[in-house]
Amino acid sequence: MTDTYPCIASRLFEILGSGYIPLWIKNAMAHHKLNLPQKICPVCLRAFAWRKKWEKNWEAVKYCSVRCAKRRSVE
């Protein structure tokens, strides 16, 4: 039985071209998120990392979530 794909690269190209990303590739790319800036939430004292939606106002972001922002006045 002959393989219809002459090399792994052509098979990978076909898979990625369809929009499907294999889990082993996702895991290999996960290390890029380690270099994101972080802050400490003053309410829950947990570290939270930069997110794309905070790109324009990262300096003004103080709380990790809406829940912590609401709880700031209680504590």
PDB file of N, CA and C in Angstrom:
ATOM      1  N   MET A   1       0.846  -1.177   0.000  1.00  0.00           N
ATOM      2  CA  MET A   1       0.000   0.000   0.000  1.00  0.00           C
ATOM      3  C   MET A   1       0.887   1.235   0.000  1.00  0.00           C
ATOM      4  N   THR A   2       0.704   2.090  -0.944  1.00  0.00           N
ATOM      5  CA  THR A   2       1.537   3.286  -1.046  1.00  0.00           C
ATOM      6  C   THR A   2       0.863   4.451  -0.348  1.00  0.00           C
ATOM      7  N   ASP A   3       1.697   5.291   0.203  1.00  0.00           N
ATOM      8  CA  ASP A   3       1.198   6.479   0.889  1.00  0.00           C
ATOM      9  C   ASP A   3       0.856   7.543  -0.143  1.00  0.00           C
ATOM     10  N   THR A   4      -0.269   8.174  -0.005  1.00  0.00           N
ATOM     11  CA  THR A   4      -0.672   9.194  -0.970  1.00  0.00           C
ATOM     12  C   THR A   4       0.063  10.510  -0.736  1.00  0.00           C
ATOM     13  N   TYR A   5       0.728  10.659   0.408  1.00  0.00           N
ATOM     14  CA  TYR A   5       1.476  11.869   0.717  1.00  0.00           C
ATOM     15  C   TYR A   5       2.965  11.556   0.689  1.00  0.00           C
ATOM     16  N   PRO A   6       3.718  12.175  -0.207  1.00  0.00           N
ATOM     17  CA  PRO A   6       5.130  11.838  -0.339  1.00  0.00           C
ATOM     18  C   PRO A   6       5.977  12.244   0.865  1.00  0.00           C
ATOM     19  N   CYS A   7       5.533  13.233   1.601  1.00  0.00           N
ATOM     20  CA  CYS A   7       6.299  13.637   2.782  1.00  0.00           C
ATOM     21  C   CYS A   7       5.346  14.207   3.837  1.00  0.00           C
ATOM     22  N   ILE A   8       5.854  14.315   5.028  1.00  0.00           N
ATOM     23  CA  ILE A   8       5.051  14.810   6.141  1.00  0.00           C
ATOM     24  C   ILE A   8       4.653  16.272   5.915  1.00  0.00           C
ATOM     25  N   ALA A   9       5.554  17.049   5.325  1.00  0.00           N
ATOM     26  CA  ALA A   9       5.280  18.470   5.111  1.00  0.00           C
ATOM     27  C   ALA A   9       4.049  18.686   4.220  1.00  0.00           C
ATOM     28  N   SER A  10       3.915  17.882   3.185  1.00  0.00           N
ATOM     29  CA  SER A  10       2.754  18.074   2.316  1.00  0.00           C
ATOM     30  C   SER A  10       1.466  17.687   3.036  1.00  0.00           C
ATOM     31  N   ARG A  11       1.529  16.659   3.892  1.00  0.00           N
ATOM     32  CA  ARG A  11       0.357  16.265   4.680  1.00  0.00           C
ATOM     33  C   ARG A  11       0.001  17.367   5.669  1.00  0.00           C
ATOM     34  N   LEU A  12       1.009  17.919   6.327  1.00  0.00           N
ATOM     35  CA  LEU A  12       0.792  18.994   7.289  1.00  0.00           C
ATOM     36  C   LEU A  12       0.193  20.218   6.596  1.00  0.00           C
ATOM     37  N   PHE A  13       0.688  20.542   5.417  1.00  0.00           N
ATOM     38  CA  PHE A  13       0.158  21.670   4.663  1.00  0.00           C
ATOM     39  C   PHE A  13      -1.316  21.463   4.336  1.00  0.00           C
ATOM     40  N   GLU A  14      -1.667  20.238   3.976  1.00  0.00           N
ATOM     41  CA  GLU A  14      -3.059  19.952   3.653  1.00  0.00           C
ATOM     42  C   GLU A  14      -3.946  20.077   4.892  1.00  0.00           C
ATOM     43  N   ILE A  15      -3.459  19.606   6.025  1.00  0.00           N
ATOM     44  CA  ILE A  15      -4.226  19.691   7.267  1.00  0.00           C
ATOM     45  C   ILE A  15      -4.406  21.151   7.672  1.00  0.00           C
ATOM     46  N   LEU A  16      -3.324  21.923   7.666  1.00  0.00           N
ATOM     47  CA  LEU A  16      -3.405  23.323   8.087  1.00  0.00           C
ATOM     48  C   LEU A  16      -4.211  24.161   7.110  1.00  0.00           C
ATOM     49  N   GLY A  17      -4.170  23.812   5.851  1.00  0.00           N
ATOM     50  CA  GLY A  17      -4.933  24.543   4.850  1.00  0.00           C
ATOM     51  C   GLY A  17      -6.432  24.411   5.063  1.00  0.00           C
ATOM     52  N   SER A  18      -6.851  23.339   5.718  1.00  0.00           N
ATOM     53  CA  SER A  18      -8.280  23.140   5.950  1.00  0.00           C
ATOM     54  C   SER A  18      -8.772  23.854   7.205  1.00  0.00           C
ATOM     55  N   GLY A  19      -7.872  24.511   7.953  1.00  0.00           N
ATOM     56  CA  GLY A  19      -8.269  25.223   9.160  1.00  0.00           C
ATOM     57  C   GLY A  19      -8.113  24.408  10.420  1.00  0.00           C
ATOM     58  N   TYR A  20      -7.784  23.130  10.294  1.00  0.00           N
ATOM     59  CA  TYR A  20      -7.588  22.259  11.455  1.00  0.00           C
ATOM     60  C   TYR A  20      -6.149  22.355  11.917  1.00  0.00           C
ATOM     61  N   ILE A  21      -5.928  22.592  13.212  1.00  0.00           N
ATOM     62  CA  ILE A  21      -4.583  22.635  13.770  1.00  0.00           C
ATOM     63  C   ILE A  21      -4.445  21.480  14.751  1.00  0.00           C
ATOM     64  N   PRO A  22      -3.537  20.554  14.479  1.00  0.00           N
ATOM     65  CA  PRO A  22      -3.362  19.414  15.381  1.00  0.00           C
ATOM     66  C   PRO A  22      -2.930  19.853  16.776  1.00  0.00           C
ATOM     67  N   LEU A  23      -3.270  19.052  17.768  1.00  0.00           N
ATOM     68  CA  LEU A  23      -2.976  19.375  19.156  1.00  0.00           C
ATOM     69  C   LEU A  23      -1.484  19.519  19.405  1.00  0.00           C
ATOM     70  N   TRP A  24      -0.653  18.705  18.770  1.00  0.00           N
ATOM     71  CA  TRP A  24       0.786  18.781  19.011  1.00  0.00           C
ATOM     72  C   TRP A  24       1.367  20.097  18.507  1.00  0.00           C
ATOM     73  N   ILE A  25       0.745  20.695  17.507  1.00  0.00           N
ATOM     74  CA  ILE A  25       1.211  22.002  17.033  1.00  0.00           C
ATOM     75  C   ILE A  25       0.750  23.089  17.998  1.00  0.00           C
ATOM     76  N   LYS A  26      -0.481  22.986  18.501  1.00  0.00           N
ATOM     77  CA  LYS A  26      -0.966  23.960  19.481  1.00  0.00           C
ATOM     78  C   LYS A  26      -0.085  23.944  20.721  1.00  0.00           C
ATOM     79  N   ASN A  27       0.275  22.760  21.187  1.00  0.00           N
ATOM     80  CA  ASN A  27       1.128  22.649  22.367  1.00  0.00           C
ATOM     81  C   ASN A  27       2.513  23.209  22.105  1.00  0.00           C
ATOM     82  N   ALA A  28       3.022  23.038  20.898  1.00  0.00           N
ATOM     83  CA  ALA A  28       4.340  23.559  20.571  1.00  0.00           C
ATOM     84  C   ALA A  28       4.330  25.079  20.521  1.00  0.00           C
ATOM     85  N   MET A  29       3.204  25.675  20.165  1.00  0.00           N
ATOM     86  CA  MET A  29       3.120  27.127  20.067  1.00  0.00           C
ATOM     87  C   MET A  29       2.750  27.775  21.396  1.00  0.00           C
ATOM     88  N   ALA A  30       2.384  27.006  22.383  1.00  0.00           N
ATOM     89  CA  ALA A  30       1.921  27.557  23.652  1.00  0.00           C
ATOM     90  C   ALA A  30       3.006  28.327  24.387  1.00  0.00           C
ATOM     91  N   HIS A  31       4.261  28.037  24.143  1.00  0.00           N
ATOM     92  CA  HIS A  31       5.346  28.704  24.851  1.00  0.00           C
ATOM     93  C   HIS A  31       5.451  30.185  24.526  1.00  0.00           C
ATOM     94  N   HIS A  32       4.845  30.643  23.461  1.00  0.00           N
ATOM     95  CA  HIS A  32       4.911  32.059  23.099  1.00  0.00           C
ATOM     96  C   HIS A  32       4.157  32.939  24.098  1.00  0.00           C
ATOM     97  N   LYS A  33       3.217  32.394  24.831  1.00  0.00           N
ATOM     98  CA  LYS A  33       2.430  33.178  25.767  1.00  0.00           C
ATOM     99  C   LYS A  33       3.145  33.400  27.092  1.00  0.00           C
ATOM    100  N   LEU A  34       4.312  32.843  27.267  1.00  0.00           N
ATOM    101  CA  LEU A  34       5.037  33.012  28.518  1.00  0.00           C
ATOM    102  C   LEU A  34       5.634  34.407  28.658  1.00  0.00           C
ATOM    103  N   ASN A  35       5.797  35.119  27.570  1.00  0.00           N
ATOM    104  CA  ASN A  35       6.458  36.416  27.596  1.00  0.00           C
ATOM    105  C   ASN A  35       5.506  37.604  27.692  1.00  0.00           C
ATOM    106  N   LEU A  36       4.254  37.379  28.004  1.00  0.00           N
ATOM    107  CA  LEU A  36       3.291  38.472  28.104  1.00  0.00           C
ATOM    108  C   LEU A  36       3.459  39.201  29.430  1.00  0.00           C
ATOM    109  N   PRO A  37       3.273  40.531  29.444  1.00  0.00           N
ATOM    110  CA  PRO A  37       3.363  41.267  30.704  1.00  0.00           C
ATOM    111  C   PRO A  37       2.254  40.867  31.663  1.00  0.00           C
ATOM    112  N   GLN A  38       2.543  40.968  32.955  1.00  0.00           N
ATOM    113  CA  GLN A  38       1.571  40.585  33.972  1.00  0.00           C
ATOM    114  C   GLN A  38       1.398  41.698  34.988  1.00  0.00           C
ATOM    115  N   LYS A  39       0.247  41.668  35.666  1.00  0.00           N
ATOM    116  CA  LYS A  39      -0.054  42.562  36.780  1.00  0.00           C
ATOM    117  C   LYS A  39      -0.674  41.730  37.892  1.00  0.00           C
ATOM    118  N   ILE A  40      -0.724  42.301  39.089  1.00  0.00           N
ATOM    119  CA  ILE A  40      -1.364  41.660  40.226  1.00  0.00           C
ATOM    120  C   ILE A  40      -2.672  42.381  40.505  1.00  0.00           C
ATOM    121  N   CYS A  41      -3.750  41.621  40.576  1.00  0.00           N
ATOM    122  CA  CYS A  41      -5.067  42.191  40.875  1.00  0.00           C
ATOM    123  C   CYS A  41      -5.091  42.589  42.350  1.00  0.00           C
ATOM    124  N   PRO A  42      -5.444  43.840  42.679  1.00  0.00           N
ATOM    125  CA  PRO A  42      -5.446  44.276  44.079  1.00  0.00           C
ATOM    126  C   PRO A  42      -6.566  43.662  44.927  1.00  0.00           C
ATOM    127  N   VAL A  43      -7.572  43.072  44.300  1.00  0.00           N
ATOM    128  CA  VAL A  43      -8.683  42.477  45.043  1.00  0.00           C
ATOM    129  C   VAL A  43      -8.398  41.021  45.388  1.00  0.00           C
ATOM    130  N   CYS A  44      -8.098  40.207  44.372  1.00  0.00           N
ATOM    131  CA  CYS A  44      -7.898  38.774  44.613  1.00  0.00           C
ATOM    132  C   CYS A  44      -6.424  38.398  44.760  1.00  0.00           C
ATOM    133  N   LEU A  45      -5.533  39.340  44.498  1.00  0.00           N
ATOM    134  CA  LEU A  45      -4.080  39.155  44.621  1.00  0.00           C
ATOM    135  C   LEU A  45      -3.528  38.063  43.707  1.00  0.00           C
ATOM    136  N   ARG A  46      -4.201  37.827  42.603  1.00  0.00           N
ATOM    137  CA  ARG A  46      -3.723  36.868  41.606  1.00  0.00           C
ATOM    138  C   ARG A  46      -3.070  37.609  40.454  1.00  0.00           C
ATOM    139  N   ALA A  47      -2.104  36.955  39.840  1.00  0.00           N
ATOM    140  CA  ALA A  47      -1.460  37.528  38.665  1.00  0.00           C
ATOM    141  C   ALA A  47      -2.354  37.306  37.447  1.00  0.00           C
ATOM    142  N   PHE A  48      -2.436  38.325  36.608  1.00  0.00           N
ATOM    143  CA  PHE A  48      -3.162  38.172  35.348  1.00  0.00           C
ATOM    144  C   PHE A  48      -2.320  38.749  34.232  1.00  0.00           C
ATOM    145  N   ALA A  49      -2.414  38.128  33.067  1.00  0.00           N
ATOM    146  CA  ALA A  49      -1.563  38.484  31.937  1.00  0.00           C
ATOM    147  C   ALA A  49      -2.288  39.396  30.955  1.00  0.00           C
ATOM    148  N   TRP A  50      -1.496  40.058  30.137  1.00  0.00           N
ATOM    149  CA  TRP A  50      -1.977  40.940  29.087  1.00  0.00           C
ATOM    150  C   TRP A  50      -2.893  40.165  28.154  1.00  0.00           C
ATOM    151  N   ARG A  51      -3.964  40.827  27.728  1.00  0.00           N
ATOM    152  CA  ARG A  51      -4.898  40.246  26.758  1.00  0.00           C
ATOM    153  C   ARG A  51      -5.065  41.209  25.600  1.00  0.00           C
ATOM    154  N   LYS A  52      -5.383  40.670  24.452  1.00  0.00           N
ATOM    155  CA  LYS A  52      -5.523  41.466  23.235  1.00  0.00           C
ATOM    156  C   LYS A  52      -6.556  42.582  23.399  1.00  0.00           C
ATOM    157  N   LYS A  53      -7.637  42.315  24.130  1.00  0.00           N
ATOM    158  CA  LYS A  53      -8.676  43.339  24.284  1.00  0.00           C
ATOM    159  C   LYS A  53      -8.216  44.505  25.154  1.00  0.00           C
ATOM    160  N   TRP A  54      -7.123  44.325  25.912  1.00  0.00           N
ATOM    161  CA  TRP A  54      -6.568  45.400  26.738  1.00  0.00           C
ATOM    162  C   TRP A  54      -5.402  46.102  26.051  1.00  0.00           C
ATOM    163  N   GLU A  55      -5.186  45.835  24.785  1.00  0.00           N
ATOM    164  CA  GLU A  55      -4.029  46.342  24.064  1.00  0.00           C
ATOM    165  C   GLU A  55      -3.905  47.863  24.132  1.00  0.00           C
ATOM    166  N   LYS A  56      -5.012  48.577  23.952  1.00  0.00           N
ATOM    167  CA  LYS A  56      -4.956  50.039  23.889  1.00  0.00           C
ATOM    168  C   LYS A  56      -4.931  50.712  25.253  1.00  0.00           C
ATOM    169  N   ASN A  57      -5.405  50.032  26.298  1.00  0.00           N
ATOM    170  CA  ASN A  57      -5.449  50.668  27.618  1.00  0.00           C
ATOM    171  C   ASN A  57      -4.836  49.781  28.713  1.00  0.00           C
ATOM    172  N   TRP A  58      -3.771  49.053  28.404  1.00  0.00           N
ATOM    173  CA  TRP A  58      -3.134  48.160  29.374  1.00  0.00           C
ATOM    174  C   TRP A  58      -2.675  48.922  30.617  1.00  0.00           C
ATOM    175  N   GLU A  59      -2.234  50.139  30.466  1.00  0.00           N
ATOM    176  CA  GLU A  59      -1.774  50.940  31.609  1.00  0.00           C
ATOM    177  C   GLU A  59      -2.919  51.236  32.573  1.00  0.00           C
ATOM    178  N   ALA A  60      -4.138  51.342  32.077  1.00  0.00           N
ATOM    179  CA  ALA A  60      -5.288  51.671  32.922  1.00  0.00           C
ATOM    180  C   ALA A  60      -5.945  50.438  33.543  1.00  0.00           C
ATOM    181  N   VAL A  61      -5.610  49.259  33.074  1.00  0.00           N
ATOM    182  CA  VAL A  61      -6.228  48.032  33.601  1.00  0.00           C
ATOM    183  C   VAL A  61      -5.698  47.762  35.003  1.00  0.00           C
ATOM    184  N   LYS A  62      -6.616  47.609  35.971  1.00  0.00           N
ATOM    185  CA  LYS A  62      -6.230  47.371  37.359  1.00  0.00           C
ATOM    186  C   LYS A  62      -6.711  46.024  37.867  1.00  0.00           C
ATOM    187  N   TYR A  63      -7.842  45.557  37.358  1.00  0.00           N
ATOM    188  CA  TYR A  63      -8.473  44.357  37.887  1.00  0.00           C
ATOM    189  C   TYR A  63      -8.472  43.250  36.848  1.00  0.00           C
ATOM    190  N   CYS A  64      -8.427  42.013  37.327  1.00  0.00           N
ATOM    191  CA  CYS A  64      -8.354  40.865  36.415  1.00  0.00           C
ATOM    192  C   CYS A  64      -9.696  40.529  35.784  1.00  0.00           C
ATOM    193  N   SER A  65     -10.785  40.958  36.386  1.00  0.00           N
ATOM    194  CA  SER A  65     -12.106  40.600  35.867  1.00  0.00           C
ATOM    195  C   SER A  65     -13.140  41.638  36.276  1.00  0.00           C
ATOM    196  N   VAL A  66     -14.303  41.538  35.695  1.00  0.00           N
ATOM    197  CA  VAL A  66     -15.414  42.417  36.061  1.00  0.00           C
ATOM    198  C   VAL A  66     -15.825  42.141  37.504  1.00  0.00           C
ATOM    199  N   ARG A  67     -15.778  40.887  37.901  1.00  0.00           N
ATOM    200  CA  ARG A  67     -16.130  40.517  39.266  1.00  0.00           C
ATOM    201  C   ARG A  67     -15.230  41.237  40.276  1.00  0.00           C
ATOM    202  N   CYS A  68     -13.933  41.249  40.035  1.00  0.00           N
ATOM    203  CA  CYS A  68     -13.021  41.935  40.963  1.00  0.00           C
ATOM    204  C   CYS A  68     -13.227  43.452  40.912  1.00  0.00           C
ATOM    205  N   ALA A  69     -13.545  43.990  39.745  1.00  0.00           N
ATOM    206  CA  ALA A  69     -13.814  45.421  39.652  1.00  0.00           C
ATOM    207  C   ALA A  69     -15.049  45.806  40.479  1.00  0.00           C
ATOM    208  N   LYS A  70     -16.054  44.943  40.495  1.00  0.00           N
ATOM    209  CA  LYS A  70     -17.249  45.206  41.295  1.00  0.00           C
ATOM    210  C   LYS A  70     -16.975  45.042  42.786  1.00  0.00           C
ATOM    211  N   ARG A  71     -16.111  44.116  43.145  1.00  0.00           N
ATOM    212  CA  ARG A  71     -15.816  43.843  44.541  1.00  0.00           C
ATOM    213  C   ARG A  71     -14.866  44.870  45.160  1.00  0.00           C
ATOM    214  N   ARG A  72     -14.271  45.729  44.366  1.00  0.00           N
ATOM    215  CA  ARG A  72     -13.281  46.687  44.889  1.00  0.00           C
ATOM    216  C   ARG A  72     -13.878  47.631  45.927  1.00  0.00           C
ATOM    217  N   SER A  73     -15.141  47.993  45.739  1.00  0.00           N
ATOM    218  CA  SER A  73     -15.778  48.925  46.662  1.00  0.00           C
ATOM    219  C   SER A  73     -16.255  48.239  47.943  1.00  0.00           C
ATOM    220  N   VAL A  74     -16.421  46.929  47.894  1.00  0.00           N
ATOM    221  CA  VAL A  74     -16.897  46.177  49.049  1.00  0.00           C
ATOM    222  C   VAL A  74     -15.766  45.980  50.059  1.00  0.00           C
ATOM    223  N   GLU A  75     -14.579  45.722  49.553  1.00  0.00           N
ATOM    224  CA  GLU A  75     -13.452  45.430  50.443  1.00  0.00           C
ATOM    225  C   GLU A  75     -12.704  46.681  50.851  1.00  0.00           C
TER     226      GLU A  75
END
